Structure formats: structure tokens, C-alpha cells
Amino acid sequence: MLELYQAESCPHSGDVRQTLTDIGVSYVIHNPRRPGSEGGDVLNEQTHQMMTKLSSEDSIPFLVDTDREETLAESEAIVDYLESHYA
């Protein structure tokens, strides 16, 4: 399963969502906080805590691939990963 921690108004999250749509894979979206610098407004405390527990950074977008036990940050790295493993 793919889980994307993101924000709707974040252009980098949008790039990842577009790639997921283009590839045609199913995924779950989590909206932990607003985009911006670290420490942006937290929208969902529980989701934010889960993201920071899984990631060494407090940044979005952040992808979790539970099937491959991989986690990735940074939109370019996520897009490359998705295209390599799911396209």
C-alpha cells in the first residue's frame, strides 16, 4: 500500500499526486499539516505524529510504501521511485 503525507495546496505534493494518477495506482492520502517551512500549522495531530515518527524530517510530501518497506521524502525522489517501481 502507498501512503502519501501531503497538502492539497502544495505544488510538490501535486506533482506526486499527478504521477500516482498517471501511473494508475491506488494510494491513501494523509493531510498532516499545511505546506510551508518546518513547523507549519498542524491540521491533524495524530497524522502529523505518525509522519514524524516514520520520517526523520517534518516535510511534505512524504511517501510510505508499506509493501516494499520504503519511505521517501522530496517530490523528485518520490516521482523517480514511483516511475521505477510502479510504471
N, C-alpha and C. Protein backbone atom coordinates (compact mmCIF):
# COMPACT_ATOMS: atom_id res chain seq x y z
N MET A 1 0.84 -1.17 0.00
CA MET A 1 0.00 0.00 0.00
C MET A 1 0.89 1.24 0.00
N LEU A 2 0.45 2.23 -0.75
CA LEU A 2 1.16 3.51 -0.79
C LEU A 2 0.38 4.52 0.04
N GLU A 3 1.11 5.24 0.90
CA GLU A 3 0.51 6.29 1.72
C GLU A 3 1.28 7.57 1.46
N LEU A 4 0.54 8.62 1.10
CA LEU A 4 1.15 9.91 0.80
C LEU A 4 0.76 10.93 1.86
N TYR A 5 1.75 11.43 2.56
CA TYR A 5 1.55 12.54 3.50
C TYR A 5 1.78 13.80 2.69
N GLN A 6 0.77 14.67 2.63
CA GLN A 6 0.82 15.79 1.71
C GLN A 6 -0.11 16.91 2.13
N ALA A 7 -0.14 17.96 1.32
CA ALA A 7 -1.09 19.06 1.50
C ALA A 7 -1.66 19.39 0.13
N GLU A 8 -2.96 19.60 0.07
CA GLU A 8 -3.63 19.86 -1.20
C GLU A 8 -3.05 21.06 -1.94
N SER A 9 -2.68 22.10 -1.24
CA SER A 9 -2.21 23.32 -1.90
C SER A 9 -0.70 23.33 -2.16
N CYS A 10 -0.01 22.28 -1.81
CA CYS A 10 1.44 22.20 -2.00
C CYS A 10 1.73 21.74 -3.44
N PRO A 11 2.45 22.55 -4.23
CA PRO A 11 2.73 22.15 -5.62
C PRO A 11 3.58 20.88 -5.72
N HIS A 12 4.45 20.65 -4.76
CA HIS A 12 5.28 19.44 -4.78
C HIS A 12 4.43 18.20 -4.52
N SER A 13 3.46 18.33 -3.61
CA SER A 13 2.52 17.23 -3.37
C SER A 13 1.69 16.98 -4.62
N GLY A 14 1.33 18.07 -5.31
CA GLY A 14 0.57 17.94 -6.56
C GLY A 14 1.33 17.16 -7.62
N ASP A 15 2.64 17.38 -7.71
CA ASP A 15 3.45 16.62 -8.67
C ASP A 15 3.40 15.13 -8.37
N VAL A 16 3.48 14.78 -7.09
CA VAL A 16 3.44 13.37 -6.70
C VAL A 16 2.05 12.79 -6.97
N ARG A 17 0.99 13.53 -6.61
CA ARG A 17 -0.37 13.05 -6.89
C ARG A 17 -0.58 12.83 -8.38
N GLN A 18 -0.08 13.74 -9.21
CA GLN A 18 -0.24 13.60 -10.66
C GLN A 18 0.47 12.34 -11.16
N THR A 19 1.65 12.08 -10.65
CA THR A 19 2.38 10.87 -11.05
C THR A 19 1.62 9.62 -10.63
N LEU A 20 1.09 9.61 -9.42
CA LEU A 20 0.31 8.46 -8.96
C LEU A 20 -0.92 8.26 -9.85
N THR A 21 -1.56 9.34 -10.24
CA THR A 21 -2.73 9.25 -11.12
C THR A 21 -2.33 8.75 -12.50
N ASP A 22 -1.24 9.30 -13.05
CA ASP A 22 -0.77 8.88 -14.37
C ASP A 22 -0.42 7.41 -14.40
N ILE A 23 0.19 6.91 -13.33
CA ILE A 23 0.58 5.50 -13.26
C ILE A 23 -0.64 4.62 -13.04
N GLY A 24 -1.63 5.15 -12.33
CA GLY A 24 -2.87 4.41 -12.10
C GLY A 24 -2.84 3.50 -10.89
N VAL A 25 -2.07 3.87 -9.88
CA VAL A 25 -2.04 3.06 -8.67
C VAL A 25 -2.93 3.69 -7.59
N SER A 26 -3.43 2.85 -6.72
CA SER A 26 -4.23 3.33 -5.59
C SER A 26 -3.32 3.76 -4.47
N TYR A 27 -3.76 4.74 -3.71
CA TYR A 27 -2.97 5.23 -2.59
C TYR A 27 -3.89 5.90 -1.58
N VAL A 28 -3.36 6.08 -0.39
CA VAL A 28 -4.08 6.73 0.70
C VAL A 28 -3.41 8.08 0.94
N ILE A 29 -4.22 9.11 1.11
CA ILE A 29 -3.70 10.46 1.39
C ILE A 29 -3.88 10.78 2.86
N HIS A 30 -2.83 11.37 3.44
CA HIS A 30 -2.89 11.92 4.79
C HIS A 30 -2.53 13.40 4.70
N ASN A 31 -3.27 14.24 5.38
CA ASN A 31 -3.01 15.68 5.38
C ASN A 31 -2.60 16.12 6.79
N PRO A 32 -1.31 15.96 7.13
CA PRO A 32 -0.87 16.26 8.49
C PRO A 32 -0.78 17.74 8.82
N ARG A 33 -0.40 18.56 7.84
CA ARG A 33 -0.21 19.98 8.12
C ARG A 33 -0.25 20.77 6.83
N ARG A 34 -0.28 22.08 7.00
CA ARG A 34 -0.26 22.97 5.84
C ARG A 34 1.15 22.99 5.25
N PRO A 35 1.28 23.31 3.96
CA PRO A 35 2.61 23.39 3.36
C PRO A 35 3.37 24.59 3.90
N GLY A 36 4.65 24.59 3.66
CA GLY A 36 5.49 25.70 4.09
C GLY A 36 6.71 25.19 4.81
N SER A 37 7.32 26.05 5.55
CA SER A 37 8.53 25.67 6.27
C SER A 37 8.19 24.67 7.37
N GLU A 38 9.23 24.04 7.91
CA GLU A 38 9.01 23.10 9.02
C GLU A 38 8.20 23.78 10.11
N GLY A 39 7.32 23.03 10.71
CA GLY A 39 6.51 23.58 11.78
C GLY A 39 5.29 24.32 11.28
N GLY A 40 4.87 24.07 10.02
CA GLY A 40 3.65 24.67 9.51
C GLY A 40 2.47 24.25 10.37
N ASP A 41 1.35 24.91 10.20
CA ASP A 41 0.17 24.63 11.00
C ASP A 41 -0.23 23.16 10.91
N VAL A 42 -0.31 22.49 12.04
CA VAL A 42 -0.71 21.10 12.08
C VAL A 42 -2.23 21.03 11.98
N LEU A 43 -2.70 20.24 11.02
CA LEU A 43 -4.14 20.08 10.81
C LEU A 43 -4.67 18.84 11.53
N ASN A 44 -3.85 17.82 11.62
CA ASN A 44 -4.25 16.55 12.22
C ASN A 44 -3.08 16.07 13.09
N GLU A 45 -3.20 16.24 14.37
CA GLU A 45 -2.10 15.93 15.29
C GLU A 45 -1.68 14.46 15.21
N GLN A 46 -2.64 13.56 15.15
CA GLN A 46 -2.32 12.13 15.12
C GLN A 46 -1.57 11.76 13.84
N THR A 47 -2.03 12.27 12.71
CA THR A 47 -1.36 12.00 11.44
C THR A 47 0.02 12.64 11.40
N HIS A 48 0.14 13.85 11.94
CA HIS A 48 1.43 14.52 11.99
C HIS A 48 2.42 13.73 12.84
N GLN A 49 1.98 13.23 13.98
CA GLN A 49 2.86 12.43 14.83
C GLN A 49 3.31 11.16 14.13
N MET A 50 2.40 10.52 13.38
CA MET A 50 2.76 9.30 12.65
C MET A 50 3.81 9.62 11.58
N MET A 51 3.62 10.73 10.87
CA MET A 51 4.58 11.10 9.83
C MET A 51 5.95 11.38 10.43
N THR A 52 6.01 12.14 11.51
CA THR A 52 7.31 12.46 12.11
C THR A 52 7.95 11.24 12.75
N LYS A 53 7.15 10.28 13.14
CA LYS A 53 7.70 9.02 13.68
C LYS A 53 8.36 8.21 12.55
N LEU A 54 7.77 8.24 11.37
CA LEU A 54 8.28 7.48 10.23
C LEU A 54 9.43 8.18 9.52
N SER A 55 9.43 9.50 9.57
CA SER A 55 10.40 10.31 8.83
C SER A 55 11.35 11.01 9.79
N SER A 56 12.55 11.22 9.32
CA SER A 56 13.50 11.99 10.13
C SER A 56 13.29 13.49 9.95
N GLU A 57 12.42 13.85 8.99
CA GLU A 57 12.15 15.26 8.72
C GLU A 57 10.65 15.54 8.85
N ASP A 58 10.33 16.77 9.10
CA ASP A 58 8.93 17.20 9.16
C ASP A 58 8.63 17.94 7.86
N SER A 59 8.60 17.18 6.75
CA SER A 59 8.37 17.82 5.47
C SER A 59 7.40 16.99 4.63
N ILE A 60 6.70 17.70 3.77
CA ILE A 60 5.79 17.06 2.83
C ILE A 60 6.21 17.46 1.43
N PRO A 61 5.99 16.62 0.43
CA PRO A 61 5.36 15.32 0.51
C PRO A 61 6.30 14.26 1.09
N PHE A 62 5.68 13.23 1.62
CA PHE A 62 6.40 12.10 2.21
C PHE A 62 5.63 10.85 1.83
N LEU A 63 6.30 9.86 1.26
CA LEU A 63 5.65 8.64 0.79
C LEU A 63 6.09 7.45 1.62
N VAL A 64 5.12 6.60 1.96
CA VAL A 64 5.39 5.33 2.61
C VAL A 64 4.89 4.23 1.69
N ASP A 65 5.76 3.31 1.34
CA ASP A 65 5.40 2.13 0.56
C ASP A 65 5.47 0.96 1.53
N THR A 66 4.34 0.57 2.06
CA THR A 66 4.32 -0.48 3.09
C THR A 66 4.70 -1.84 2.52
N ASP A 67 4.40 -2.09 1.24
CA ASP A 67 4.74 -3.38 0.64
C ASP A 67 6.24 -3.57 0.49
N ARG A 68 6.94 -2.51 0.15
CA ARG A 68 8.39 -2.58 -0.05
C ARG A 68 9.16 -2.08 1.17
N GLU A 69 8.44 -1.67 2.19
CA GLU A 69 9.05 -1.14 3.41
C GLU A 69 10.03 0.00 3.11
N GLU A 70 9.56 0.95 2.28
CA GLU A 70 10.35 2.10 1.89
C GLU A 70 9.66 3.38 2.32
N THR A 71 10.44 4.39 2.67
CA THR A 71 9.91 5.72 2.92
C THR A 71 10.77 6.71 2.13
N LEU A 72 10.10 7.71 1.58
CA LEU A 72 10.81 8.70 0.77
C LEU A 72 10.26 10.09 1.04
N ALA A 73 11.16 11.06 1.02
CA ALA A 73 10.80 12.47 1.11
C ALA A 73 11.29 13.14 -0.18
N GLU A 74 10.86 14.35 -0.41
CA GLU A 74 11.23 15.14 -1.59
C GLU A 74 10.50 14.63 -2.82
N SER A 75 9.78 15.51 -3.46
CA SER A 75 8.91 15.13 -4.57
C SER A 75 9.66 14.49 -5.73
N GLU A 76 10.83 15.00 -6.09
CA GLU A 76 11.57 14.41 -7.21
C GLU A 76 11.99 12.98 -6.92
N ALA A 77 12.44 12.71 -5.72
CA ALA A 77 12.83 11.35 -5.34
C ALA A 77 11.61 10.43 -5.33
N ILE A 78 10.48 10.94 -4.87
CA ILE A 78 9.26 10.13 -4.83
C ILE A 78 8.80 9.81 -6.25
N VAL A 79 8.78 10.81 -7.12
CA VAL A 79 8.36 10.59 -8.51
C VAL A 79 9.29 9.57 -9.18
N ASP A 80 10.59 9.70 -9.02
CA ASP A 80 11.54 8.74 -9.60
C ASP A 80 11.27 7.33 -9.08
N TYR A 81 11.04 7.21 -7.79
CA TYR A 81 10.76 5.90 -7.18
C TYR A 81 9.50 5.29 -7.77
N LEU A 82 8.44 6.09 -7.84
CA LEU A 82 7.17 5.59 -8.37
C LEU A 82 7.32 5.13 -9.81
N GLU A 83 8.01 5.92 -10.63
CA GLU A 83 8.20 5.56 -12.03
C GLU A 83 9.06 4.31 -12.19
N SER A 84 10.02 4.12 -11.28
CA SER A 84 10.89 2.95 -11.34
C SER A 84 10.18 1.67 -10.90
N HIS A 85 9.31 1.78 -9.90
CA HIS A 85 8.71 0.58 -9.33
C HIS A 85 7.26 0.31 -9.72
N TYR A 86 6.56 1.31 -10.23
CA TYR A 86 5.13 1.13 -10.48
C TYR A 86 4.67 1.45 -11.90
N ALA A 87 5.52 2.10 -12.71
CA ALA A 87 5.10 2.46 -14.07
C ALA A 87 5.24 1.30 -15.02
